[in-house]
Amino acid sequence: MVPNIAIVGATGAVGEMMRKLVEERNFPFRSIRFLASPKSAGKKIQFKNESFTVGEIRAEAFKDVQIVLSSTPSSISLEWSPIAAKAGALVIDNSSAWRMDPQVPLVVPEVNAHALSKIPKGIIANPNCSTIQMVVALKPLHDRARIKRIVVCTYQASSGKGATGVKDLDAQLIAVANHQKSPNPTAHAGVLAGNVLSYDWKLGEDGYSEEEWKMVWETKKILGDENILVSPTTVRVPVRVGHCEALHVEFHSPLSVADAEQCLKQAPGVVFRPGYGAGRVPEPREAEGRDEVFVGRLRKDPTVPNGLALWVVADNLRKGAATNAVQIAELLIKDKP
């Protein structure tokens, strides 16, 4: 199948990356439309050396569209993704709006592509960026020894807040370099330059942030095991692109470091880095611009039975968002007339 496609939220950070990846991966299409909010509608964007005018999100804009790649705030998604689906499109939605809906598959192609066999609402949810890279790294290990518990601490890049997050960080870094007072943040919850923020997401009454709960519930759904225990702490760090995660994982069955290394070396979408030191341990600058999930610092966790520790890094705008969505789209059109 060669579809007509639309990119919704085309002027945002993830939408821009979706445009880039459709071109970069030579995703086949008959026609393409770029849609955004009334504020951004009318803007000119470049795609495949052509100039396109961004249209406003309207019901008629989805006529004869088979696949929608959408990256909008949840409130916009709740309104427009069902309208696009009703018009006949399969919607790959990057917001958090649909992820825990039992009738909406939550998909990471390397992990649970089989979930695409049933799409009752015409909507497929793209998981949270921090969840995606974690489950890509853990799926081969889960298949081998079954995960009992995950303790995860994240080190998340400024671009997780979109283009405004990076603007925040850049303005603060300039102020620091010039020995000036940092400007008030507009995207982050506090000053990020020379700092880390463990409160950059909405906090619940239980003391856990919404980002932390996303990692808990999404991991269970994607891996298909409600009994997996997940204890997360999410932190924002002064890096533009590239999320990092320190994972401590307890398994039901014994799994040696050597066997885990072999599993990771053979896993789709994973680049395993053995050893320790510069050039061996994955870093955000290595992952930036790449679609793989980088894994290193694999070692035994001696504090629990059947425990391993590992370090996971990925480009949050690509594999953590846009690449994953385009990969889903590639699966949807594969082998279809």
C-alpha atoms as a PDB file:
ATOM      1  CA  MET A   1       0.000   0.000   0.000  1.00  0.00           C
ATOM      2  CA  VAL A   2       1.229   3.469  -0.889  1.00  0.00           C
ATOM      3  CA  PRO A   3      -0.824   5.784   1.351  1.00  0.00           C
ATOM      4  CA  ASN A   4      -1.772   9.419   1.477  1.00  0.00           C
ATOM      5  CA  ILE A   5      -0.314  10.680   4.745  1.00  0.00           C
ATOM      6  CA  ALA A   6      -0.692  13.667   7.038  1.00  0.00           C
ATOM      7  CA  ILE A   7       1.632  14.952   9.740  1.00  0.00           C
ATOM      8  CA  VAL A   8      -0.283  16.694  12.517  1.00  0.00           C
ATOM      9  CA  GLY A   9       1.678  19.077  14.723  1.00  0.00           C
ATOM     10  CA  ALA A  10       4.089  19.407  11.818  1.00  0.00           C
ATOM     11  CA  THR A  11       5.784  22.564  13.097  1.00  0.00           C
ATOM     12  CA  GLY A  12       6.712  21.242  16.561  1.00  0.00           C
ATOM     13  CA  ALA A  13      10.006  19.611  17.517  1.00  0.00           C
ATOM     14  CA  VAL A  14       8.728  16.047  17.057  1.00  0.00           C
ATOM     15  CA  GLY A  15       6.648  16.991  14.036  1.00  0.00           C
ATOM     16  CA  GLU A  16       9.716  18.479  12.415  1.00  0.00           C
ATOM     17  CA  MET A  17      11.602  15.262  13.122  1.00  0.00           C
ATOM     18  CA  MET A  18       8.742  13.222  11.649  1.00  0.00           C
ATOM     19  CA  ARG A  19       9.048  15.252   8.443  1.00  0.00           C
ATOM     20  CA  LYS A  20      12.765  14.629   8.380  1.00  0.00           C
ATOM     21  CA  LEU A  21      12.395  10.889   8.940  1.00  0.00           C
ATOM     22  CA  VAL A  22       9.687  10.397   6.314  1.00  0.00           C
ATOM     23  CA  GLU A  23      12.184  11.837   3.853  1.00  0.00           C
ATOM     24  CA  GLU A  24      15.271  10.174   5.326  1.00  0.00           C
ATOM     25  CA  ARG A  25      13.745   6.684   5.426  1.00  0.00           C
ATOM     26  CA  ASN A  26      12.126   7.075   1.987  1.00  0.00           C
ATOM     27  CA  PHE A  27       8.710   6.302   3.408  1.00  0.00           C
ATOM     28  CA  PRO A  28       6.436   5.773   0.392  1.00  0.00           C
ATOM     29  CA  PHE A  29       3.411   8.030  -0.047  1.00  0.00           C
ATOM     30  CA  ARG A  30       1.166   9.307  -2.812  1.00  0.00           C
ATOM     31  CA  SER A  31       0.525  12.665  -1.169  1.00  0.00           C
ATOM     32  CA  ILE A  32       1.479  14.392   2.078  1.00  0.00           C
ATOM     33  CA  ARG A  33      -0.208  17.097   4.140  1.00  0.00           C
ATOM     34  CA  PHE A  34       1.208  19.135   6.987  1.00  0.00           C
ATOM     35  CA  LEU A  35      -1.262  20.274   9.642  1.00  0.00           C
ATOM     36  CA  ALA A  36      -0.969  22.344  12.803  1.00  0.00           C
ATOM     37  CA  SER A  37      -2.856  24.662  15.138  1.00  0.00           C
ATOM     38  CA  PRO A  38      -4.415  27.909  13.849  1.00  0.00           C
ATOM     39  CA  LYS A  39      -1.386  29.710  15.314  1.00  0.00           C
ATOM     40  CA  SER A  40       0.991  27.818  12.992  1.00  0.00           C
ATOM     41  CA  ALA A  41      -1.313  27.330   9.998  1.00  0.00           C
ATOM     42  CA  GLY A  42      -0.152  29.279   6.952  1.00  0.00           C
ATOM     43  CA  LYS A  43       3.528  28.882   7.710  1.00  0.00           C
ATOM     44  CA  LYS A  44       5.821  27.693   4.937  1.00  0.00           C
ATOM     45  CA  ILE A  45       7.974  24.617   5.494  1.00  0.00           C
ATOM     46  CA  GLN A  46      10.523  22.851   3.315  1.00  0.00           C
ATOM     47  CA  PHE A  47      10.137  19.175   2.507  1.00  0.00           C
ATOM     48  CA  LYS A  48      12.065  17.308  -0.199  1.00  0.00           C
ATOM     49  CA  ASN A  49      13.300  20.603  -1.616  1.00  0.00           C
ATOM     50  CA  GLU A  50       9.739  21.843  -2.038  1.00  0.00           C
ATOM     51  CA  SER A  51       7.824  24.515  -0.158  1.00  0.00           C
ATOM     52  CA  PHE A  52       4.579  23.479   1.538  1.00  0.00           C
ATOM     53  CA  THR A  53       1.984  25.585   3.328  1.00  0.00           C
ATOM     54  CA  VAL A  54       0.946  24.239   6.728  1.00  0.00           C
ATOM     55  CA  GLY A  55      -2.805  23.714   6.909  1.00  0.00           C
ATOM     56  CA  GLU A  56      -5.058  24.068   9.908  1.00  0.00           C
ATOM     57  CA  ILE A  57      -6.305  20.915  11.622  1.00  0.00           C
ATOM     58  CA  ARG A  58      -9.834  20.444  10.265  1.00  0.00           C
ATOM     59  CA  ALA A  59     -12.043  17.420   9.676  1.00  0.00           C
ATOM     60  CA  GLU A  60     -11.899  17.861   5.900  1.00  0.00           C
ATOM     61  CA  ALA A  61      -8.087  17.813   6.011  1.00  0.00           C
ATOM     62  CA  PHE A  62      -8.217  14.063   6.716  1.00  0.00           C
ATOM     63  CA  LYS A  63     -10.289  13.164   3.658  1.00  0.00           C
ATOM     64  CA  ASP A  64      -8.649  10.324   1.680  1.00  0.00           C
ATOM     65  CA  VAL A  65      -5.749  10.116   4.190  1.00  0.00           C
ATOM     66  CA  GLN A  66      -4.737   6.572   5.146  1.00  0.00           C
ATOM     67  CA  ILE A  67      -2.011   7.264   7.745  1.00  0.00           C
ATOM     68  CA  VAL A  68      -1.668  10.134  10.198  1.00  0.00           C
ATOM     69  CA  LEU A  69       1.504  10.819  12.168  1.00  0.00           C
ATOM     70  CA  SER A  70       0.409  13.033  15.046  1.00  0.00           C
ATOM     71  CA  SER A  71       2.364  14.883  17.724  1.00  0.00           C
ATOM     72  CA  THR A  72       0.165  17.338  19.592  1.00  0.00           C
ATOM     73  CA  PRO A  73      -0.767  18.054  23.208  1.00  0.00           C
ATOM     74  CA  SER A  74      -3.117  15.440  24.672  1.00  0.00           C
ATOM     75  CA  SER A  75      -6.107  17.785  24.638  1.00  0.00           C
ATOM     76  CA  ILE A  76      -5.741  18.278  20.876  1.00  0.00           C
ATOM     77  CA  SER A  77      -5.239  14.572  20.327  1.00  0.00           C
ATOM     78  CA  LEU A  78      -8.370  13.661  22.284  1.00  0.00           C
ATOM     79  CA  GLU A  79     -10.376  15.887  19.986  1.00  0.00           C
ATOM     80  CA  TRP A  80      -8.810  15.243  16.583  1.00  0.00           C
ATOM     81  CA  SER A  81      -7.360  11.718  16.533  1.00  0.00           C
ATOM     82  CA  PRO A  82     -10.847  10.103  16.649  1.00  0.00           C
ATOM     83  CA  ILE A  83     -12.002  12.465  13.877  1.00  0.00           C
ATOM     84  CA  ALA A  84      -9.075  11.427  11.694  1.00  0.00           C
ATOM     85  CA  ALA A  85      -9.739   7.753  12.454  1.00  0.00           C
ATOM     86  CA  LYS A  86     -13.435   8.158  11.638  1.00  0.00           C
ATOM     87  CA  ALA A  87     -12.413   9.606   8.274  1.00  0.00           C
ATOM     88  CA  GLY A  88     -10.635   6.318   7.555  1.00  0.00           C
ATOM     89  CA  ALA A  89      -7.058   6.989   8.643  1.00  0.00           C
ATOM     90  CA  LEU A  90      -4.886   4.939  10.955  1.00  0.00           C
ATOM     91  CA  VAL A  91      -3.566   7.450  13.486  1.00  0.00           C
ATOM     92  CA  ILE A  92      -0.168   7.007  15.114  1.00  0.00           C
ATOM     93  CA  ASP A  93      -0.455   9.311  18.107  1.00  0.00           C
ATOM     94  CA  ASN A  94       2.575  10.574  20.025  1.00  0.00           C
ATOM     95  CA  SER A  95       0.657  12.172  22.901  1.00  0.00           C
ATOM     96  CA  SER A  96      -0.111  10.465  26.208  1.00  0.00           C
ATOM     97  CA  ALA A  97      -3.867  10.674  25.572  1.00  0.00           C
ATOM     98  CA  TRP A  98      -4.451   7.132  24.317  1.00  0.00           C
ATOM     99  CA  ARG A  99      -1.593   5.092  25.742  1.00  0.00           C
ATOM    100  CA  MET A 100      -3.492   3.317  28.496  1.00  0.00           C
ATOM    101  CA  ASP A 101      -6.747   2.875  26.579  1.00  0.00           C
ATOM    102  CA  PRO A 102      -7.268  -0.930  26.445  1.00  0.00           C
ATOM    103  CA  GLN A 103      -8.580  -0.612  22.872  1.00  0.00           C
ATOM    104  CA  VAL A 104      -5.507   1.269  21.668  1.00  0.00           C
ATOM    105  CA  PRO A 105      -2.289  -0.693  21.040  1.00  0.00           C
ATOM    106  CA  LEU A 106       0.820   0.848  22.600  1.00  0.00           C
ATOM    107  CA  VAL A 107       3.612  -0.177  20.263  1.00  0.00           C
ATOM    108  CA  VAL A 108       7.382  -0.344  20.052  1.00  0.00           C
ATOM    109  CA  PRO A 109       8.118  -2.253  16.812  1.00  0.00           C
ATOM    110  CA  GLU A 110      11.156  -4.139  18.167  1.00  0.00           C
ATOM    111  CA  VAL A 111       9.154  -5.244  21.210  1.00  0.00           C
ATOM    112  CA  ASN A 112       5.448  -5.848  20.478  1.00  0.00           C
ATOM    113  CA  ALA A 113       4.698  -5.380  16.790  1.00  0.00           C
ATOM    114  CA  HIS A 114       2.095  -8.136  17.155  1.00  0.00           C
ATOM    115  CA  ALA A 115      -0.137  -5.624  18.967  1.00  0.00           C
ATOM    116  CA  LEU A 116      -0.874  -4.040  15.571  1.00  0.00           C
ATOM    117  CA  SER A 117      -3.059  -7.022  14.648  1.00  0.00           C
ATOM    118  CA  LYS A 118      -6.010  -5.306  16.364  1.00  0.00           C
ATOM    119  CA  ILE A 119      -6.620  -1.563  16.083  1.00  0.00           C
ATOM    120  CA  PRO A 120     -10.311  -1.214  17.003  1.00  0.00           C
ATOM    121  CA  LYS A 121     -10.341   2.576  17.326  1.00  0.00           C
ATOM    122  CA  GLY A 122      -8.059   3.246  14.377  1.00  0.00           C
ATOM    123  CA  ILE A 123      -5.508   4.757  16.782  1.00  0.00           C
ATOM    124  CA  ILE A 124      -2.062   3.440  17.712  1.00  0.00           C
ATOM    125  CA  ALA A 125      -0.286   5.053  20.649  1.00  0.00           C
ATOM    126  CA  ASN A 126       3.399   5.927  20.552  1.00  0.00           C
ATOM    127  CA  PRO A 127       4.852   5.369  24.040  1.00  0.00           C
ATOM    128  CA  ASN A 128       6.669   7.866  26.230  1.00  0.00           C
ATOM    129  CA  CYS A 129      10.259   8.559  25.168  1.00  0.00           C
ATOM    130  CA  SER A 130      11.822   7.219  28.359  1.00  0.00           C
ATOM    131  CA  THR A 131       9.716   4.053  28.209  1.00  0.00           C
ATOM    132  CA  ILE A 132      10.592   3.302  24.578  1.00  0.00           C
ATOM    133  CA  GLN A 133      14.335   3.084  25.026  1.00  0.00           C
ATOM    134  CA  MET A 134      14.004   1.119  28.254  1.00  0.00           C
ATOM    135  CA  VAL A 135      11.779  -1.616  26.807  1.00  0.00           C
ATOM    136  CA  VAL A 136      13.884  -1.937  23.636  1.00  0.00           C
ATOM    137  CA  ALA A 137      16.890  -2.690  25.859  1.00  0.00           C
ATOM    138  CA  LEU A 138      14.999  -4.959  28.253  1.00  0.00           C
ATOM    139  CA  LYS A 139      12.854  -7.017  25.847  1.00  0.00           C
ATOM    140  CA  PRO A 140      15.579  -9.558  24.912  1.00  0.00           C
ATOM    141  CA  LEU A 141      16.453  -9.987  28.594  1.00  0.00           C
ATOM    142  CA  HIS A 142      12.792 -10.323  29.576  1.00  0.00           C
ATOM    143  CA  ASP A 143      12.340 -13.042  26.958  1.00  0.00           C
ATOM    144  CA  ARG A 144      15.292 -14.930  28.399  1.00  0.00           C
ATOM    145  CA  ALA A 145      14.755 -14.669  32.171  1.00  0.00           C
ATOM    146  CA  ARG A 146      11.471 -12.764  32.770  1.00  0.00           C
ATOM    147  CA  ILE A 147      11.689  -9.460  34.615  1.00  0.00           C
ATOM    148  CA  LYS A 148      10.522  -9.285  38.204  1.00  0.00           C
ATOM    149  CA  ARG A 149      11.449  -5.702  39.154  1.00  0.00           C
ATOM    150  CA  ILE A 150      12.999  -2.618  37.534  1.00  0.00           C
ATOM    151  CA  VAL A 151      14.544   0.310  39.397  1.00  0.00           C
ATOM    152  CA  VAL A 152      15.186   3.102  36.895  1.00  0.00           C
ATOM    153  CA  CYS A 153      16.648   6.584  37.220  1.00  0.00           C
ATOM    154  CA  THR A 154      16.480   8.785  34.129  1.00  0.00           C
ATOM    155  CA  TYR A 155      18.665  11.655  32.951  1.00  0.00           C
ATOM    156  CA  GLN A 156      16.399  13.367  30.424  1.00  0.00           C
ATOM    157  CA  ALA A 157      17.376  15.989  27.876  1.00  0.00           C
ATOM    158  CA  SER A 158      15.903  19.464  27.648  1.00  0.00           C
ATOM    159  CA  SER A 159      14.329  18.694  24.257  1.00  0.00           C
ATOM    160  CA  GLY A 160      11.907  16.404  26.059  1.00  0.00           C
ATOM    161  CA  LYS A 161      10.039  19.665  26.655  1.00  0.00           C
ATOM    162  CA  GLY A 162      10.105  20.436  22.951  1.00  0.00           C
ATOM    163  CA  ALA A 163      11.724  23.344  21.137  1.00  0.00           C
ATOM    164  CA  THR A 164      10.857  25.724  23.977  1.00  0.00           C
ATOM    165  CA  GLY A 165      12.826  23.549  26.380  1.00  0.00           C
ATOM    166  CA  VAL A 166      15.968  23.833  24.280  1.00  0.00           C
ATOM    167  CA  LYS A 167      15.459  27.593  23.950  1.00  0.00           C
ATOM    168  CA  ASP A 168      15.243  27.757  27.748  1.00  0.00           C
ATOM    169  CA  LEU A 169      18.500  25.871  28.166  1.00  0.00           C
ATOM    170  CA  ASP A 170      20.359  27.802  25.466  1.00  0.00           C
ATOM    171  CA  ALA A 171      19.349  31.169  26.915  1.00  0.00           C
ATOM    172  CA  GLN A 172      20.471  30.048  30.367  1.00  0.00           C
ATOM    173  CA  LEU A 173      23.808  28.749  29.086  1.00  0.00           C
ATOM    174  CA  ILE A 174      24.472  32.077  27.374  1.00  0.00           C
ATOM    175  CA  ALA A 175      23.677  33.916  30.591  1.00  0.00           C
ATOM    176  CA  VAL A 176      26.034  31.664  32.567  1.00  0.00           C
ATOM    177  CA  ALA A 177      28.827  32.174  30.018  1.00  0.00           C
ATOM    178  CA  ASN A 178      28.410  35.943  30.316  1.00  0.00           C
ATOM    179  CA  HIS A 179      28.182  35.863  34.112  1.00  0.00           C
ATOM    180  CA  GLN A 180      24.629  37.147  33.952  1.00  0.00           C
ATOM    181  CA  LYS A 181      21.509  36.140  35.836  1.00  0.00           C
ATOM    182  CA  SER A 182      19.653  33.312  34.109  1.00  0.00           C
ATOM    183  CA  PRO A 183      16.379  34.371  32.481  1.00  0.00           C
ATOM    184  CA  ASN A 184      13.200  32.970  33.956  1.00  0.00           C
ATOM    185  CA  PRO A 185      12.416  29.563  32.444  1.00  0.00           C
ATOM    186  CA  THR A 186       9.433  29.310  30.123  1.00  0.00           C
ATOM    187  CA  ALA A 187       9.326  25.537  29.561  1.00  0.00           C
ATOM    188  CA  HIS A 188      11.210  23.940  32.427  1.00  0.00           C
ATOM    189  CA  ALA A 189      10.152  24.136  36.052  1.00  0.00           C
ATOM    190  CA  GLY A 190      13.405  25.802  37.072  1.00  0.00           C
ATOM    191  CA  VAL A 191      16.834  26.872  35.847  1.00  0.00           C
ATOM    192  CA  LEU A 192      18.446  23.911  34.097  1.00  0.00           C
ATOM    193  CA  ALA A 193      21.895  25.247  33.128  1.00  0.00           C
ATOM    194  CA  GLY A 194      24.445  23.981  35.629  1.00  0.00           C
ATOM    195  CA  ASN A 195      21.638  22.192  37.434  1.00  0.00           C
ATOM    196  CA  VAL A 196      19.348  19.140  37.413  1.00  0.00           C
ATOM    197  CA  LEU A 197      15.599  19.136  37.987  1.00  0.00           C
ATOM    198  CA  SER A 198      13.762  16.255  39.602  1.00  0.00           C
ATOM    199  CA  TYR A 199      10.506  18.251  39.559  1.00  0.00           C
ATOM    200  CA  ASP A 200      10.134  19.050  35.868  1.00  0.00           C
ATOM    201  CA  TRP A 201       6.865  17.131  35.540  1.00  0.00           C
ATOM    202  CA  LYS A 202       3.455  17.413  37.166  1.00  0.00           C
ATOM    203  CA  LEU A 203       3.482  15.823  40.610  1.00  0.00           C
ATOM    204  CA  GLY A 204       0.749  13.594  41.987  1.00  0.00           C
ATOM    205  CA  GLU A 205      -0.472  13.404  45.564  1.00  0.00           C
ATOM    206  CA  ASP A 206       1.540  10.210  46.039  1.00  0.00           C
ATOM    207  CA  GLY A 207       4.804  12.072  45.409  1.00  0.00           C
ATOM    208  CA  TYR A 208       5.423  10.505  41.999  1.00  0.00           C
ATOM    209  CA  SER A 209       5.442  12.582  38.830  1.00  0.00           C
ATOM    210  CA  GLU A 210       3.271  11.846  35.806  1.00  0.00           C
ATOM    211  CA  GLU A 211       6.441  10.968  33.886  1.00  0.00           C
ATOM    212  CA  GLU A 212       7.306   8.340  36.477  1.00  0.00           C
ATOM    213  CA  TRP A 213       3.845   6.769  36.351  1.00  0.00           C
ATOM    214  CA  LYS A 214       4.022   6.644  32.551  1.00  0.00           C
ATOM    215  CA  MET A 215       7.101   4.439  32.856  1.00  0.00           C
ATOM    216  CA  VAL A 216       5.310   2.156  35.310  1.00  0.00           C
ATOM    217  CA  TRP A 217       2.085   1.561  33.399  1.00  0.00           C
ATOM    218  CA  GLU A 218       3.441   1.699  29.863  1.00  0.00           C
ATOM    219  CA  THR A 219       6.167  -0.858  30.606  1.00  0.00           C
ATOM    220  CA  LYS A 220       3.596  -3.339  31.887  1.00  0.00           C
ATOM    221  CA  LYS A 221       1.364  -2.867  28.841  1.00  0.00           C
ATOM    222  CA  ILE A 222       4.127  -3.058  26.225  1.00  0.00           C
ATOM    223  CA  LEU A 223       5.839  -6.099  27.735  1.00  0.00           C
ATOM    224  CA  GLY A 224       2.454  -7.732  28.401  1.00  0.00           C
ATOM    225  CA  ASP A 225       3.119  -8.465  32.063  1.00  0.00           C
ATOM    226  CA  GLU A 226       1.106  -6.684  34.764  1.00  0.00           C
ATOM    227  CA  ASN A 227       3.249  -8.263  37.485  1.00  0.00           C
ATOM    228  CA  ILE A 228       6.455  -6.409  36.578  1.00  0.00           C
ATOM    229  CA  LEU A 229       7.357  -3.973  39.356  1.00  0.00           C
ATOM    230  CA  VAL A 230       8.776  -0.617  38.233  1.00  0.00           C
ATOM    231  CA  SER A 231      10.301   1.933  40.615  1.00  0.00           C
ATOM    232  CA  PRO A 232      11.208   5.104  38.649  1.00  0.00           C
ATOM    233  CA  THR A 233      12.837   8.458  39.395  1.00  0.00           C
ATOM    234  CA  THR A 234      12.873  10.879  36.465  1.00  0.00           C
ATOM    235  CA  VAL A 235      15.316  13.790  36.285  1.00  0.00           C
ATOM    236  CA  ARG A 236      15.917  16.568  33.765  1.00  0.00           C
ATOM    237  CA  VAL A 237      19.572  17.336  32.963  1.00  0.00           C
ATOM    238  CA  PRO A 238      21.259  20.175  30.993  1.00  0.00           C
ATOM    239  CA  VAL A 239      21.657  18.191  27.747  1.00  0.00           C
ATOM    240  CA  ARG A 240      19.906  19.260  24.544  1.00  0.00           C
ATOM    241  CA  VAL A 241      19.205  15.839  23.014  1.00  0.00           C
ATOM    242  CA  GLY A 242      19.554  12.295  24.329  1.00  0.00           C
ATOM    243  CA  HIS A 243      17.940  10.588  27.307  1.00  0.00           C
ATOM    244  CA  CYS A 244      20.025   8.349  29.593  1.00  0.00           C
ATOM    245  CA  GLU A 245      18.802   5.712  32.040  1.00  0.00           C
ATOM    246  CA  ALA A 246      20.433   3.756  34.835  1.00  0.00           C
ATOM    247  CA  LEU A 247      18.613   0.435  35.191  1.00  0.00           C
ATOM    248  CA  HIS A 248      18.788  -2.126  37.977  1.00  0.00           C
ATOM    249  CA  VAL A 249      16.774  -5.175  36.998  1.00  0.00           C
ATOM    250  CA  GLU A 250      15.835  -8.267  38.987  1.00  0.00           C
ATOM    251  CA  PHE A 251      14.813 -11.375  37.020  1.00  0.00           C
ATOM    252  CA  HIS A 252      12.803 -14.452  37.965  1.00  0.00           C
ATOM    253  CA  SER A 253      15.476 -16.736  36.529  1.00  0.00           C
ATOM    254  CA  PRO A 254      19.275 -16.579  36.647  1.00  0.00           C
ATOM    255  CA  LEU A 255      20.863 -14.575  33.844  1.00  0.00           C
ATOM    256  CA  SER A 256      24.629 -14.217  33.644  1.00  0.00           C
ATOM    257  CA  VAL A 257      26.361 -11.106  32.366  1.00  0.00           C
ATOM    258  CA  ALA A 258      27.778 -13.123  29.463  1.00  0.00           C
ATOM    259  CA  ASP A 259      24.354 -14.467  28.441  1.00  0.00           C
ATOM    260  CA  ALA A 260      22.774 -11.014  28.773  1.00  0.00           C
ATOM    261  CA  GLU A 261      25.521  -9.563  26.585  1.00  0.00           C
ATOM    262  CA  GLN A 262      24.807 -12.104  23.867  1.00  0.00           C
ATOM    263  CA  CYS A 263      21.082 -11.326  24.034  1.00  0.00           C
ATOM    264  CA  LEU A 264      21.736  -7.610  23.668  1.00  0.00           C
ATOM    265  CA  LYS A 265      24.200  -8.049  20.808  1.00  0.00           C
ATOM    266  CA  GLN A 266      21.546  -9.934  18.833  1.00  0.00           C
ATOM    267  CA  ALA A 267      18.608  -7.678  19.737  1.00  0.00           C
ATOM    268  CA  PRO A 268      16.991  -5.578  16.987  1.00  0.00           C
ATOM    269  CA  GLY A 269      17.480  -1.851  17.400  1.00  0.00           C
ATOM    270  CA  VAL A 270      20.187  -2.224  20.072  1.00  0.00           C
ATOM    271  CA  VAL A 271      23.854  -1.231  19.902  1.00  0.00           C
ATOM    272  CA  PHE A 272      25.771  -2.881  22.724  1.00  0.00           C
ATOM    273  CA  ARG A 273      28.960  -1.218  23.971  1.00  0.00           C
ATOM    274  CA  PRO A 274      31.176  -3.518  26.055  1.00  0.00           C
ATOM    275  CA  GLY A 275      33.792  -2.215  28.435  1.00  0.00           C
ATOM    276  CA  TYR A 276      34.222   0.947  30.447  1.00  0.00           C
ATOM    277  CA  GLY A 277      35.643   4.380  29.707  1.00  0.00           C
ATOM    278  CA  ALA A 278      35.481   7.093  27.069  1.00  0.00           C
ATOM    279  CA  GLY A 279      34.307   5.788  23.722  1.00  0.00           C
ATOM    280  CA  ARG A 280      32.912   2.638  25.276  1.00  0.00           C
ATOM    281  CA  VAL A 281      30.146   3.785  27.620  1.00  0.00           C
ATOM    282  CA  PRO A 282      27.219   5.207  25.580  1.00  0.00           C
ATOM    283  CA  GLU A 283      26.779   8.979  25.712  1.00  0.00           C
ATOM    284  CA  PRO A 284      23.981  11.301  24.532  1.00  0.00           C
ATOM    285  CA  ARG A 285      26.214  12.905  21.896  1.00  0.00           C
ATOM    286  CA  GLU A 286      26.835   9.466  20.380  1.00  0.00           C
ATOM    287  CA  ALA A 287      23.124   8.677  20.295  1.00  0.00           C
ATOM    288  CA  GLU A 288      22.038  12.049  18.861  1.00  0.00           C
ATOM    289  CA  GLY A 289      20.941  11.647  15.266  1.00  0.00           C
ATOM    290  CA  ARG A 290      20.790   7.849  15.562  1.00  0.00           C
ATOM    291  CA  ASP A 291      17.771   5.540  15.712  1.00  0.00           C
ATOM    292  CA  GLU A 292      19.298   2.760  17.800  1.00  0.00           C
ATOM    293  CA  VAL A 293      19.175   2.301  21.558  1.00  0.00           C
ATOM    294  CA  PHE A 294      22.693   2.174  23.014  1.00  0.00           C
ATOM    295  CA  VAL A 295      23.403  -0.120  25.962  1.00  0.00           C
ATOM    296  CA  GLY A 296      26.538  -0.343  28.088  1.00  0.00           C
ATOM    297  CA  ARG A 297      27.926  -0.778  31.597  1.00  0.00           C
ATOM    298  CA  LEU A 298      26.310  -4.196  31.842  1.00  0.00           C
ATOM    299  CA  ARG A 299      27.196  -5.755  35.194  1.00  0.00           C
ATOM    300  CA  LYS A 300      25.888  -7.932  37.966  1.00  0.00           C
ATOM    301  CA  ASP A 301      23.756  -6.318  40.672  1.00  0.00           C
ATOM    302  CA  PRO A 302      24.867  -8.181  43.794  1.00  0.00           C
ATOM    303  CA  THR A 303      22.145  -6.688  46.016  1.00  0.00           C
ATOM    304  CA  VAL A 304      19.296  -8.874  44.685  1.00  0.00           C
ATOM    305  CA  PRO A 305      18.929 -12.430  43.410  1.00  0.00           C
ATOM    306  CA  ASN A 306      19.265 -12.647  39.627  1.00  0.00           C
ATOM    307  CA  GLY A 307      20.093  -8.961  39.304  1.00  0.00           C
ATOM    308  CA  LEU A 308      21.772  -6.987  36.507  1.00  0.00           C
ATOM    309  CA  ALA A 309      22.598  -3.297  36.076  1.00  0.00           C
ATOM    310  CA  LEU A 310      22.915  -1.485  32.758  1.00  0.00           C
ATOM    311  CA  TRP A 311      23.104   1.976  31.182  1.00  0.00           C
ATOM    312  CA  VAL A 312      20.779   2.902  28.304  1.00  0.00           C
ATOM    313  CA  VAL A 313      20.969   5.945  25.993  1.00  0.00           C
ATOM    314  CA  ALA A 314      18.864   7.047  23.004  1.00  0.00           C
ATOM    315  CA  ASP A 315      17.916  10.107  20.967  1.00  0.00           C
ATOM    316  CA  ASN A 316      14.613  11.130  22.549  1.00  0.00           C
ATOM    317  CA  LEU A 317      13.375  13.001  19.477  1.00  0.00           C
ATOM    318  CA  ARG A 318      14.123  10.141  17.103  1.00  0.00           C
ATOM    319  CA  LYS A 319      13.709   6.658  18.627  1.00  0.00           C
ATOM    320  CA  GLY A 320      11.972   8.177  21.639  1.00  0.00           C
ATOM    321  CA  ALA A 321       9.289   9.738  19.440  1.00  0.00           C
ATOM    322  CA  ALA A 322       9.436  10.316  15.674  1.00  0.00           C
ATOM    323  CA  THR A 323      11.414   7.251  14.551  1.00  0.00           C
ATOM    324  CA  ASN A 324       9.224   4.910  16.566  1.00  0.00           C
ATOM    325  CA  ALA A 325       6.116   6.447  14.986  1.00  0.00           C
ATOM    326  CA  VAL A 326       7.474   6.153  11.438  1.00  0.00           C
ATOM    327  CA  GLN A 327       8.560   2.566  12.111  1.00  0.00           C
ATOM    328  CA  ILE A 328       4.972   1.789  13.131  1.00  0.00           C
ATOM    329  CA  ALA A 329       3.754   3.364   9.887  1.00  0.00           C
ATOM    330  CA  GLU A 330       6.204   1.200   7.937  1.00  0.00           C
ATOM    331  CA  LEU A 331       4.745  -1.909   9.565  1.00  0.00           C
ATOM    332  CA  LEU A 332       1.192  -0.813   8.751  1.00  0.00           C
ATOM    333  CA  ILE A 333       1.860  -0.572   5.010  1.00  0.00           C
ATOM    334  CA  LYS A 334       4.122  -3.611   4.776  1.00  0.00           C
ATOM    335  CA  ASP A 335       2.738  -6.325   2.486  1.00  0.00           C
ATOM    336  CA  LYS A 336      -0.598  -4.491   2.093  1.00  0.00           C
ATOM    337  CA  PRO A 337      -1.951  -4.019  -1.423  1.00  0.00           C
END
